[in-house]
C-alpha atoms as a PDB file:
ATOM      1  CA  MET A   1     127.929 127.791  85.878  1.00  0.00           C
ATOM      2  CA  SER A   2     124.048 130.136  86.046  1.00  0.00           C
ATOM      3  CA  HIS A   3     121.077 129.765  84.088  1.00  0.00           C
ATOM      4  CA  GLU A   4     118.978 132.356  82.515  1.00  0.00           C
ATOM      5  CA  PRO A   5     116.296 132.391  85.488  1.00  0.00           C
ATOM      6  CA  CYS A   6     112.750 132.581  83.114  1.00  0.00           C
ATOM      7  CA  THR A   7     113.767 129.827  80.980  1.00  0.00           C
ATOM      8  CA  PRO A   8     112.680 126.555  82.359  1.00  0.00           C
ATOM      9  CA  LEU A   9     116.192 124.152  82.789  1.00  0.00           C
ATOM     10  CA  GLY A  10     116.363 121.391  81.051  1.00  0.00           C
ATOM     11  CA  ILE A  11     117.399 118.386  82.612  1.00  0.00           C
ATOM     12  CA  GLY A  12     118.056 114.599  81.853  1.00  0.00           C
ATOM     13  CA  LEU A  13     117.337 111.742  84.046  1.00  0.00           C
ATOM     14  CA  ILE A  14     119.573 108.648  84.109  1.00  0.00           C
ATOM     15  CA  GLY A  15     117.869 105.626  86.189  1.00  0.00           C
ATOM     16  CA  LEU A  16     114.351 104.672  86.001  1.00  0.00           C
ATOM     17  CA  GLY A  17     114.239 102.631  89.349  1.00  0.00           C
ATOM     18  CA  ARG A  18     112.721 102.331  92.635  1.00  0.00           C
ATOM     19  CA  HIS A  19     114.980 105.435  93.702  1.00  0.00           C
ATOM     20  CA  GLY A  20     115.158 107.173  89.925  1.00  0.00           C
ATOM     21  CA  SER A  21     110.976 107.180  89.505  1.00  0.00           C
ATOM     22  CA  ARG A  22     111.106 109.641  92.864  1.00  0.00           C
ATOM     23  CA  TYR A  23     113.276 112.434  91.257  1.00  0.00           C
ATOM     24  CA  ALA A  24     111.351 111.545  88.208  1.00  0.00           C
ATOM     25  CA  LYS A  25     108.273 112.211  89.857  1.00  0.00           C
ATOM     26  CA  HIS A  26     109.494 115.622  91.596  1.00  0.00           C
ATOM     27  CA  LEU A  27     110.925 116.571  88.280  1.00  0.00           C
ATOM     28  CA  LEU A  28     107.881 116.264  86.410  1.00  0.00           C
ATOM     29  CA  HIS A  29     105.352 118.109  89.094  1.00  0.00           C
ATOM     30  CA  ASP A  30     107.059 119.752  91.946  1.00  0.00           C
ATOM     31  CA  LEU A  31     109.701 122.251  90.138  1.00  0.00           C
ATOM     32  CA  PRO A  32     108.018 124.816  88.111  1.00  0.00           C
ATOM     33  CA  ASP A  33     111.487 126.440  86.842  1.00  0.00           C
ATOM     34  CA  VAL A  34     112.771 122.996  85.761  1.00  0.00           C
ATOM     35  CA  ARG A  35     111.554 120.661  82.185  1.00  0.00           C
ATOM     36  CA  LEU A  36     112.778 117.164  82.004  1.00  0.00           C
ATOM     37  CA  VAL A  37     113.030 117.403  78.652  1.00  0.00           C
ATOM     38  CA  ALA A  38     114.568 113.360  78.863  1.00  0.00           C
ATOM     39  CA  VAL A  39     115.149 110.012  80.307  1.00  0.00           C
ATOM     40  CA  SER A  40     117.374 107.080  80.169  1.00  0.00           C
ATOM     41  CA  ARG A  41     117.518 103.496  81.499  1.00  0.00           C
ATOM     42  CA  ARG A  42     119.171 100.308  80.070  1.00  0.00           C
ATOM     43  CA  ARG A  43     115.917  98.971  79.437  1.00  0.00           C
ATOM     44  CA  THR A  44     112.414 100.522  77.882  1.00  0.00           C
ATOM     45  CA  THR A  45     108.571 100.360  77.485  1.00  0.00           C
ATOM     46  CA  GLU A  46     107.341  99.898  73.927  1.00  0.00           C
ATOM     47  CA  GLY A  47     110.116 102.606  73.994  1.00  0.00           C
ATOM     48  CA  ASN A  48     109.472 105.205  76.135  1.00  0.00           C
ATOM     49  CA  GLY A  49     110.564 105.004  79.680  1.00  0.00           C
ATOM     50  CA  LEU A  50     108.380 107.309  81.478  1.00  0.00           C
ATOM     51  CA  ALA A  51     104.525 106.123  80.972  1.00  0.00           C
ATOM     52  CA  SER A  52     102.921 109.202  82.969  1.00  0.00           C
ATOM     53  CA  ALA A  53     104.822 111.077  80.536  1.00  0.00           C
ATOM     54  CA  PRO A  54     104.527 109.180  76.914  1.00  0.00           C
ATOM     55  CA  THR A  55     106.284 112.353  75.780  1.00  0.00           C
ATOM     56  CA  VAL A  56     109.088 112.332  77.359  1.00  0.00           C
ATOM     57  CA  PRO A  57     112.411 110.506  74.767  1.00  0.00           C
ATOM     58  CA  CYS A  58     113.574 107.850  76.650  1.00  0.00           C
ATOM     59  CA  TYR A  59     117.627 106.994  75.884  1.00  0.00           C
ATOM     60  CA  SER A  60     118.587 103.159  75.954  1.00  0.00           C
ATOM     61  CA  ASP A  61     122.113 104.965  75.752  1.00  0.00           C
ATOM     62  CA  TYR A  62     122.750 107.253  78.234  1.00  0.00           C
ATOM     63  CA  HIS A  63     125.566 109.097  75.738  1.00  0.00           C
ATOM     64  CA  GLU A  64     122.508 109.372  73.406  1.00  0.00           C
ATOM     65  CA  LEU A  65     121.116 111.889  76.832  1.00  0.00           C
ATOM     66  CA  ILE A  66     124.268 113.243  77.640  1.00  0.00           C
ATOM     67  CA  ALA A  67     124.646 115.009  74.095  1.00  0.00           C
ATOM     68  CA  ASP A  68     120.649 115.285  73.636  1.00  0.00           C
ATOM     69  CA  PRO A  69     121.061 119.213  73.105  1.00  0.00           C
ATOM     70  CA  GLN A  70     117.839 120.628  75.513  1.00  0.00           C
ATOM     71  CA  VAL A  71     119.205 118.387  78.523  1.00  0.00           C
ATOM     72  CA  GLU A  72     121.535 121.069  80.233  1.00  0.00           C
ATOM     73  CA  ALA A  73     122.238 119.540  83.359  1.00  0.00           C
ATOM     74  CA  VAL A  74     122.403 116.066  84.310  1.00  0.00           C
ATOM     75  CA  VAL A  75     120.963 113.877  87.142  1.00  0.00           C
ATOM     76  CA  VAL A  76     122.085 110.412  87.699  1.00  0.00           C
ATOM     77  CA  VAL A  77     119.960 107.633  89.924  1.00  0.00           C
ATOM     78  CA  THR A  78     121.719 104.609  89.179  1.00  0.00           C
ATOM     79  CA  PRO A  79     123.593 101.740  90.730  1.00  0.00           C
ATOM     80  CA  PRO A  80     126.629 103.620  92.490  1.00  0.00           C
ATOM     81  CA  ALA A  81     129.039 100.543  90.727  1.00  0.00           C
ATOM     82  CA  LEU A  82     128.186 102.654  87.349  1.00  0.00           C
ATOM     83  CA  ASN A  83     128.483 106.206  88.354  1.00  0.00           C
ATOM     84  CA  ARG A  84     132.428 106.733  87.768  1.00  0.00           C
ATOM     85  CA  GLU A  85     131.509 106.293  83.587  1.00  0.00           C
ATOM     86  CA  ILE A  86     128.425 108.317  83.929  1.00  0.00           C
ATOM     87  CA  CYS A  87     130.100 111.238  85.894  1.00  0.00           C
ATOM     88  CA  LEU A  88     132.994 111.481  83.901  1.00  0.00           C
ATOM     89  CA  ALA A  89     131.176 111.643  80.730  1.00  0.00           C
ATOM     90  CA  VAL A  90     128.980 114.230  81.857  1.00  0.00           C
ATOM     91  CA  ALA A  91     131.971 115.987  82.841  1.00  0.00           C
ATOM     92  CA  GLU A  92     133.039 115.972  79.047  1.00  0.00           C
ATOM     93  CA  ALA A  93     130.031 117.409  77.627  1.00  0.00           C
ATOM     94  CA  LYS A  94     130.515 120.240  80.334  1.00  0.00           C
ATOM     95  CA  LYS A  95     126.777 119.819  81.884  1.00  0.00           C
ATOM     96  CA  ALA A  96     125.548 120.340  85.320  1.00  0.00           C
ATOM     97  CA  LEU A  97     125.637 116.913  87.465  1.00  0.00           C
ATOM     98  CA  LEU A  98     123.765 115.623  90.215  1.00  0.00           C
ATOM     99  CA  VAL A  99     124.646 112.272  91.302  1.00  0.00           C
ATOM    100  CA  GLU A 100     122.795 109.922  93.998  1.00  0.00           C
ATOM    101  CA  LYS A 101     125.132 109.069  97.099  1.00  0.00           C
ATOM    102  CA  PRO A 102     127.233 106.962  97.164  1.00  0.00           C
ATOM    103  CA  LEU A 103     128.991 108.902  95.246  1.00  0.00           C
ATOM    104  CA  ALA A 104     131.202 105.432  94.170  1.00  0.00           C
ATOM    105  CA  THR A 105     131.550 101.999  95.137  1.00  0.00           C
ATOM    106  CA  THR A 106     135.619 102.797  95.628  1.00  0.00           C
ATOM    107  CA  ALA A 107     137.571 105.656  96.638  1.00  0.00           C
ATOM    108  CA  GLU A 108     139.532 105.105  93.246  1.00  0.00           C
ATOM    109  CA  ASP A 109     136.369 105.567  91.795  1.00  0.00           C
ATOM    110  CA  ALA A 110     134.740 109.145  93.675  1.00  0.00           C
ATOM    111  CA  ARG A 111     138.644 110.681  93.281  1.00  0.00           C
ATOM    112  CA  ALA A 112     138.067 110.239  89.468  1.00  0.00           C
ATOM    113  CA  ILE A 113     134.729 111.236  89.388  1.00  0.00           C
ATOM    114  CA  ALA A 114     136.231 114.142  92.046  1.00  0.00           C
ATOM    115  CA  ARG A 115     138.967 115.671  89.400  1.00  0.00           C
ATOM    116  CA  ALA A 116     136.903 115.097  86.839  1.00  0.00           C
ATOM    117  CA  ALA A 117     134.591 117.054  88.528  1.00  0.00           C
ATOM    118  CA  GLN A 118     136.770 119.828  89.250  1.00  0.00           C
ATOM    119  CA  GLY A 119     138.490 120.146  85.621  1.00  0.00           C
ATOM    120  CA  SER A 120     134.834 120.871  84.193  1.00  0.00           C
ATOM    121  CA  ARG A 121     133.862 123.552  85.883  1.00  0.00           C
ATOM    122  CA  GLN A 122     130.598 123.059  86.173  1.00  0.00           C
ATOM    123  CA  THR A 123     127.889 122.996  88.735  1.00  0.00           C
ATOM    124  CA  MET A 124     128.226 119.692  90.542  1.00  0.00           C
ATOM    125  CA  MET A 125     126.663 117.891  93.782  1.00  0.00           C
ATOM    126  CA  THR A 126     126.653 115.046  95.303  1.00  0.00           C
ATOM    127  CA  ALA A 127     122.617 113.916  96.738  1.00  0.00           C
ATOM    128  CA  GLN A 128     123.732 113.162  99.790  1.00  0.00           C
ATOM    129  CA  THR A 129     119.669 113.130 100.804  1.00  0.00           C
ATOM    130  CA  LEU A 130     119.762 112.878 104.708  1.00  0.00           C
ATOM    131  CA  ARG A 131     121.679 116.475 105.158  1.00  0.00           C
ATOM    132  CA  PHE A 132     117.959 117.925 103.629  1.00  0.00           C
ATOM    133  CA  ASP A 133     115.712 116.238 106.725  1.00  0.00           C
ATOM    134  CA  ALA A 134     113.847 118.366 108.294  1.00  0.00           C
ATOM    135  CA  ALA A 135     115.464 116.774 111.815  1.00  0.00           C
ATOM    136  CA  VAL A 136     119.074 117.247 110.900  1.00  0.00           C
ATOM    137  CA  VAL A 137     118.727 120.905 109.371  1.00  0.00           C
ATOM    138  CA  ALA A 138     117.310 121.454 112.971  1.00  0.00           C
ATOM    139  CA  LEU A 139     119.638 119.821 115.226  1.00  0.00           C
ATOM    140  CA  CYS A 140     122.039 121.488 112.956  1.00  0.00           C
ATOM    141  CA  GLU A 141     120.244 124.679 114.189  1.00  0.00           C
ATOM    142  CA  ARG A 142     120.090 124.286 117.407  1.00  0.00           C
ATOM    143  CA  GLN A 143     123.619 122.890 118.580  1.00  0.00           C
ATOM    144  CA  ALA A 144     124.960 125.825 119.990  1.00  0.00           C
ATOM    145  CA  GLN A 145     122.706 125.054 123.020  1.00  0.00           C
ATOM    146  CA  ILE A 146     124.409 122.159 124.028  1.00  0.00           C
ATOM    147  CA  GLY A 147     127.740 123.739 124.011  1.00  0.00           C
ATOM    148  CA  VAL A 148     130.813 122.547 123.433  1.00  0.00           C
ATOM    149  CA  LEU A 149     130.316 119.059 121.694  1.00  0.00           C
ATOM    150  CA  GLN A 150     132.364 116.084 123.168  1.00  0.00           C
ATOM    151  CA  TYR A 151     131.362 113.576 120.999  1.00  0.00           C
ATOM    152  CA  LEU A 152     128.258 112.080 118.681  1.00  0.00           C
ATOM    153  CA  SER A 153     126.820 108.564 118.372  1.00  0.00           C
ATOM    154  CA  LEU A 154     125.113 107.668 115.073  1.00  0.00           C
ATOM    155  CA  VAL A 155     123.097 105.179 114.021  1.00  0.00           C
ATOM    156  CA  SER A 156     120.885 103.798 111.289  1.00  0.00           C
ATOM    157  CA  ARG A 157     119.319 100.375 111.438  1.00  0.00           C
ATOM    158  CA  MET A 158     116.813  98.750 108.510  1.00  0.00           C
ATOM    159  CA  GLU A 159     115.131  95.600 107.418  1.00  0.00           C
ATOM    160  CA  PRO A 160     116.821  93.855 105.164  1.00  0.00           C
ATOM    161  CA  HIS A 161     116.092  94.648 101.384  1.00  0.00           C
ATOM    162  CA  GLY A 162     115.321  91.169 100.328  1.00  0.00           C
ATOM    163  CA  LEU A 163     117.371  91.387  97.083  1.00  0.00           C
ATOM    164  CA  PRO A 164     120.612  89.845  95.480  1.00  0.00           C
ATOM    165  CA  GLU A 165     123.567  91.621  96.843  1.00  0.00           C
ATOM    166  CA  ASP A 166     125.813  90.798  93.425  1.00  0.00           C
ATOM    167  CA  GLY A 167     122.920  92.691  91.716  1.00  0.00           C
ATOM    168  CA  ARG A 168     122.679  95.877  92.876  1.00  0.00           C
ATOM    169  CA  GLY A 169     125.497  97.341  91.754  1.00  0.00           C
ATOM    170  CA  PHE A 170     127.340  98.105  94.781  1.00  0.00           C
ATOM    171  CA  GLY A 171     130.935  96.429  94.391  1.00  0.00           C
ATOM    172  CA  GLY A 172     129.884  93.686  96.142  1.00  0.00           C
ATOM    173  CA  ARG A 173     130.144  96.003  99.518  1.00  0.00           C
ATOM    174  CA  GLY A 174     126.773  95.786 101.309  1.00  0.00           C
ATOM    175  CA  CYS A 175     124.778  98.314 104.208  1.00  0.00           C
ATOM    176  CA  LEU A 176     128.077 100.616 105.347  1.00  0.00           C
ATOM    177  CA  LEU A 177     127.887 102.419 101.610  1.00  0.00           C
ATOM    178  CA  GLU A 178     124.430 101.884 100.779  1.00  0.00           C
ATOM    179  CA  THR A 179     122.871 103.844 104.345  1.00  0.00           C
ATOM    180  CA  GLY A 180     126.270 104.114 106.641  1.00  0.00           C
ATOM    181  CA  ILE A 181     127.387 106.834 103.854  1.00  0.00           C
ATOM    182  CA  HIS A 182     124.659 109.553 105.464  1.00  0.00           C
ATOM    183  CA  LEU A 183     125.967 109.398 108.306  1.00  0.00           C
ATOM    184  CA  LEU A 184     130.072 109.322 107.385  1.00  0.00           C
ATOM    185  CA  ASP A 185     128.665 112.460 105.313  1.00  0.00           C
ATOM    186  CA  LEU A 186     126.949 113.575 108.392  1.00  0.00           C
ATOM    187  CA  ALA A 187     129.719 112.928 110.347  1.00  0.00           C
ATOM    188  CA  ARG A 188     131.506 115.938 108.909  1.00  0.00           C
ATOM    189  CA  ARG A 189     129.137 117.988 108.651  1.00  0.00           C
ATOM    190  CA  VAL A 190     127.904 118.302 112.296  1.00  0.00           C
ATOM    191  CA  THR A 191     131.194 118.577 113.676  1.00  0.00           C
ATOM    192  CA  GLY A 192     132.696 120.568 110.880  1.00  0.00           C
ATOM    193  CA  ASP A 193     136.001 118.417 110.956  1.00  0.00           C
ATOM    194  CA  ASP A 194     138.025 115.982 108.818  1.00  0.00           C
ATOM    195  CA  ILE A 195     137.930 112.016 109.749  1.00  0.00           C
ATOM    196  CA  HIS A 196     141.340 111.515 110.757  1.00  0.00           C
ATOM    197  CA  THR A 197     141.259 107.164 112.110  1.00  0.00           C
ATOM    198  CA  VAL A 198     138.909 105.000 111.853  1.00  0.00           C
ATOM    199  CA  SER A 199     137.687 101.003 113.687  1.00  0.00           C
ATOM    200  CA  CYS A 200     135.886  99.394 112.295  1.00  0.00           C
ATOM    201  CA  GLU A 201     133.768  95.662 112.941  1.00  0.00           C
ATOM    202  CA  MET A 202     131.495  94.077 110.239  1.00  0.00           C
ATOM    203  CA  ASP A 203     129.648  90.764 110.517  1.00  0.00           C
ATOM    204  CA  VAL A 204     131.072  89.633 106.969  1.00  0.00           C
ATOM    205  CA  VAL A 205     134.206  91.774 105.305  1.00  0.00           C
ATOM    206  CA  PRO A 206     133.004  92.385 101.486  1.00  0.00           C
ATOM    207  CA  PRO A 207     134.257  90.892  98.707  1.00  0.00           C
ATOM    208  CA  GLU A 208     135.161  87.355 100.158  1.00  0.00           C
ATOM    209  CA  GLY A 209     132.950  87.030 103.263  1.00  0.00           C
ATOM    210  CA  GLY A 210     129.780  88.447 100.973  1.00  0.00           C
ATOM    211  CA  ALA A 211     128.203  91.418 101.954  1.00  0.00           C
ATOM    212  CA  GLU A 212     128.023  93.179 105.593  1.00  0.00           C
ATOM    213  CA  ARG A 213     124.816  93.530 107.055  1.00  0.00           C
ATOM    214  CA  ARG A 214     126.093  94.792 110.919  1.00  0.00           C
ATOM    215  CA  ILE A 215     129.504  97.293 111.349  1.00  0.00           C
ATOM    216  CA  VAL A 216     129.665  99.012 114.401  1.00  0.00           C
ATOM    217  CA  GLY A 217     132.492 101.711 114.346  1.00  0.00           C
ATOM    218  CA  ARG A 218     134.659 104.764 116.156  1.00  0.00           C
ATOM    219  CA  LEU A 219     135.793 107.323 113.970  1.00  0.00           C
ATOM    220  CA  THR A 220     138.255 110.441 115.197  1.00  0.00           C
ATOM    221  CA  THR A 221     137.853 113.658 113.742  1.00  0.00           C
ATOM    222  CA  ARG A 222     141.149 115.807 113.388  1.00  0.00           C
ATOM    223  CA  ARG A 223     140.317 117.466 116.458  1.00  0.00           C
ATOM    224  CA  GLY A 224     139.794 114.290 118.078  1.00  0.00           C
ATOM    225  CA  LEU A 225     136.549 114.438 118.673  1.00  0.00           C
ATOM    226  CA  VAL A 226     134.863 110.629 118.264  1.00  0.00           C
ATOM    227  CA  CYS A 227     132.109 109.741 116.746  1.00  0.00           C
ATOM    228  CA  LEU A 228     130.638 106.128 117.564  1.00  0.00           C
ATOM    229  CA  LEU A 229     129.341 104.107 114.176  1.00  0.00           C
ATOM    230  CA  ASP A 230     126.050 101.564 114.266  1.00  0.00           C
ATOM    231  CA  VAL A 231     124.870 100.299 110.537  1.00  0.00           C
ATOM    232  CA  SER A 232     123.165  97.258 110.156  1.00  0.00           C
ATOM    233  CA  ARG A 233     120.837  95.657 107.833  1.00  0.00           C
ATOM    234  CA  VAL A 234     119.674  92.199 110.050  1.00  0.00           C
ATOM    235  CA  SER A 235     116.096  93.573 112.330  1.00  0.00           C
ATOM    236  CA  SER A 236     112.694  94.540 111.316  1.00  0.00           C
ATOM    237  CA  GLY A 237     111.640  97.601 112.044  1.00  0.00           C
ATOM    238  CA  ARG A 238     113.422 101.418 111.320  1.00  0.00           C
ATOM    239  CA  ILE A 239     115.789 103.727 113.084  1.00  0.00           C
ATOM    240  CA  GLY A 240     117.696 106.783 111.750  1.00  0.00           C
ATOM    241  CA  ARG A 241     119.618 109.510 114.301  1.00  0.00           C
ATOM    242  CA  VAL A 242     121.641 111.401 115.441  1.00  0.00           C
ATOM    243  CA  GLU A 243     123.116 112.536 119.310  1.00  0.00           C
ATOM    244  CA  LEU A 244     125.299 115.133 120.211  1.00  0.00           C
ATOM    245  CA  ILE A 245     126.823 115.338 123.711  1.00  0.00           C
ATOM    246  CA  GLY A 246     128.009 118.681 124.449  1.00  0.00           C
ATOM    247  CA  THR A 247     128.508 120.512 127.823  1.00  0.00           C
ATOM    248  CA  GLU A 248     126.559 122.186 128.258  1.00  0.00           C
ATOM    249  CA  GLY A 249     123.255 119.089 127.236  1.00  0.00           C
ATOM    250  CA  GLN A 250     122.193 116.635 124.379  1.00  0.00           C
ATOM    251  CA  LEU A 251     120.309 116.734 121.237  1.00  0.00           C
ATOM    252  CA  SER A 252     119.054 114.577 119.505  1.00  0.00           C
ATOM    253  CA  ALA A 253     117.417 114.286 115.926  1.00  0.00           C
ATOM    254  CA  ASP A 254     115.663 111.714 114.781  1.00  0.00           C
ATOM    255  CA  TRP A 255     114.358 111.268 111.251  1.00  0.00           C
ATOM    256  CA  CYS A 256     112.244 108.205 111.155  1.00  0.00           C
ATOM    257  CA  ALA A 257     109.540 109.999 113.844  1.00  0.00           C
ATOM    258  CA  GLN A 258     110.673 113.459 112.936  1.00  0.00           C
ATOM    259  CA  GLN A 259     111.468 115.190 116.173  1.00  0.00           C
ATOM    260  CA  VAL A 260     113.968 116.591 118.095  1.00  0.00           C
ATOM    261  CA  ILE A 261     115.463 116.236 121.698  1.00  0.00           C
ATOM    262  CA  GLN A 262     117.039 118.351 124.011  1.00  0.00           C
ATOM    263  CA  VAL A 263     118.190 117.069 127.298  1.00  0.00           C
ATOM    264  CA  SER A 264     119.269 119.951 129.063  1.00  0.00           C
ATOM    265  CA  ALA A 265     120.260 120.831 133.296  1.00  0.00           C
ATOM    266  CA  ARG A 266     118.944 124.197 131.305  1.00  0.00           C
ATOM    267  CA  PRO A 267     116.049 125.574 130.786  1.00  0.00           C
ATOM    268  CA  GLY A 268     115.022 125.042 127.241  1.00  0.00           C
ATOM    269  CA  ALA A 269     114.985 120.981 126.723  1.00  0.00           C
ATOM    270  CA  GLY A 270     112.488 120.132 125.303  1.00  0.00           C
ATOM    271  CA  VAL A 271     111.533 117.886 122.482  1.00  0.00           C
ATOM    272  CA  TRP A 272     110.065 119.673 118.657  1.00  0.00           C
ATOM    273  CA  PRO A 273     108.311 117.672 116.270  1.00  0.00           C
ATOM    274  CA  SER A 274     110.000 118.558 112.657  1.00  0.00           C
ATOM    275  CA  ALA A 275     107.927 118.549 109.052  1.00  0.00           C
ATOM    276  CA  ALA A 276     108.603 116.123 106.914  1.00  0.00           C
ATOM    277  CA  GLU A 277     109.435 116.998 103.475  1.00  0.00           C
ATOM    278  CA  PRO A 278     110.583 114.498 101.027  1.00  0.00           C
ATOM    279  CA  THR A 279     114.553 115.121 101.080  1.00  0.00           C
ATOM    280  CA  VAL A 280     114.520 114.385  97.371  1.00  0.00           C
ATOM    281  CA  LEU A 281     112.778 116.913  96.049  1.00  0.00           C
ATOM    282  CA  LEU A 282     114.668 119.694  98.492  1.00  0.00           C
ATOM    283  CA  THR A 283     118.139 118.475  97.397  1.00  0.00           C
ATOM    284  CA  LEU A 284     116.452 118.539  93.433  1.00  0.00           C
ATOM    285  CA  ARG A 285     115.564 122.284  94.856  1.00  0.00           C
ATOM    286  CA  ALA A 286     119.081 123.160  95.933  1.00  0.00           C
ATOM    287  CA  PHE A 287     120.705 121.919  93.135  1.00  0.00           C
ATOM    288  CA  VAL A 288     118.603 123.701  90.698  1.00  0.00           C
ATOM    289  CA  ARG A 289     119.418 126.812  92.953  1.00  0.00           C
ATOM    290  CA  SER A 290     122.753 126.457  92.434  1.00  0.00           C
ATOM    291  CA  ILE A 291     123.103 126.656  88.432  1.00  0.00           C
ATOM    292  CA  ARG A 292     120.640 129.321  88.311  1.00  0.00           C
ATOM    293  CA  ASP A 293     122.357 131.243  90.981  1.00  0.00           C
ATOM    294  CA  GLY A 294     125.751 130.448  90.119  1.00  0.00           C
ATOM    295  CA  LEU A 295     126.627 129.670  93.714  1.00  0.00           C
ATOM    296  CA  PRO A 296     128.842 126.591  94.995  1.00  0.00           C
ATOM    297  CA  PRO A 297     126.768 123.817  95.840  1.00  0.00           C
ATOM    298  CA  PRO A 298     125.580 122.421  99.917  1.00  0.00           C
ATOM    299  CA  VAL A 299     126.966 119.515  98.669  1.00  0.00           C
ATOM    300  CA  SER A 300     129.734 119.190  96.146  1.00  0.00           C
ATOM    301  CA  ILE A 301     131.285 116.071  94.455  1.00  0.00           C
ATOM    302  CA  GLU A 302     134.500 116.469  96.885  1.00  0.00           C
ATOM    303  CA  ASP A 303     132.101 115.871  99.863  1.00  0.00           C
ATOM    304  CA  GLY A 304     131.089 112.974  98.249  1.00  0.00           C
ATOM    305  CA  LYS A 305     134.515 111.515  97.449  1.00  0.00           C
ATOM    306  CA  ARG A 306     135.515 111.818 101.645  1.00  0.00           C
ATOM    307  CA  ALA A 307     132.320 109.923 102.228  1.00  0.00           C
ATOM    308  CA  VAL A 308     132.881 107.087 100.248  1.00  0.00           C
ATOM    309  CA  GLU A 309     137.221 107.654 101.099  1.00  0.00           C
ATOM    310  CA  ILE A 310     135.385 107.196 104.760  1.00  0.00           C
ATOM    311  CA  ALA A 311     134.299 104.474 103.714  1.00  0.00           C
ATOM    312  CA  GLU A 312     137.116 103.030 101.794  1.00  0.00           C
ATOM    313  CA  ALA A 313     139.071 103.167 104.985  1.00  0.00           C
ATOM    314  CA  CYS A 314     136.232 101.541 107.622  1.00  0.00           C
ATOM    315  CA  TYR A 315     136.795  98.748 105.278  1.00  0.00           C
ATOM    316  CA  ALA A 316     140.411  98.655 105.472  1.00  0.00           C
ATOM    317  CA  SER A 317     139.712  98.888 109.082  1.00  0.00           C
ATOM    318  CA  ALA A 318     137.395  95.370 109.280  1.00  0.00           C
ATOM    319  CA  ARG A 319     139.750  92.900 106.885  1.00  0.00           C
ATOM    320  CA  GLN A 320     142.504  93.883 109.816  1.00  0.00           C
ATOM    321  CA  GLY A 321     140.008  92.921 112.792  1.00  0.00           C
ATOM    322  CA  GLY A 322     139.137  95.630 113.763  1.00  0.00           C
ATOM    323  CA  GLN A 323     142.597  97.795 114.053  1.00  0.00           C
ATOM    324  CA  VAL A 324     142.736 101.814 113.756  1.00  0.00           C
ATOM    325  CA  VAL A 325     143.336 103.149 109.907  1.00  0.00           C
ATOM    326  CA  SER A 326     143.746 106.862 108.245  1.00  0.00           C
ATOM    327  CA  VAL A 327     141.421 107.963 106.106  1.00  0.00           C
ATOM    328  CA  GLU A 328     143.462 108.410 102.786  1.00  0.00           C
ATOM    329  CA  CYS A 329     141.726 111.940 101.289  1.00  0.00           C
ATOM    330  CA  LEU A 330     143.581 112.409  98.268  1.00  0.00           C
END
């Protein structure tokens, strides 16, 4: 799908929660070559979903938004348990799609979305927003400076969110899908390889034990690289970083502190701050560029599916006491 460059791209937004409101703000104010033509939310206020843009139509039924002839592309920012039904409807309507991570709560649903996306032949993208973080981008640009990659460590620790798990739309699953999905995707991005096996332990195993709040794991790529995983929502404060250990040095990207650190015996070691820019905005720009230029999106629906398949294997491993489980990529 390509789009006439002089005409604003008509976008419909499904989901106006806290995260969806961020998308709405950028679509309204920061992307001059697009136009937010419709929104959809389950509960409307006085018939309108956006107080800041009262002329934008709001549909309580997302099917009506998808059918709106002004909507050329759809952005989905809903609880992920709803994504399968919505994404399949967008694919059937032959419209472009950007869907927030995780693509789905189960590998089965993610695969159904991927099949529909492939059949639609439209521009469809998963919003794995961490890929667009300035520190992560800088790390990828400097990766060759540390020689041959030996292994990597991925960490995401956040405070408890305080929301009831059964009402958050993750199918009873917790922080691995909510925040750890970024790391599962990043492992593939940094290594340039698929994850082959996982071994994972959790504080509780959903759904019987409730939603997990702490995960430690070991991912191994098809070429044998080891990725150490540490994800939690148990303490105050936030830590988010990826560390690469190579034959000629080490690199660390910290997206909370917005900096990249290189440790090396050779000249060139140092600390480089990164200029923070909203990753949602950068994701939207990439999506619109792909539509306009008719190019593959930088993060495909297949990429989103692969991350969910890795997560599925992690849950299977945790149910088996941390045993090594193969990742099924179908």
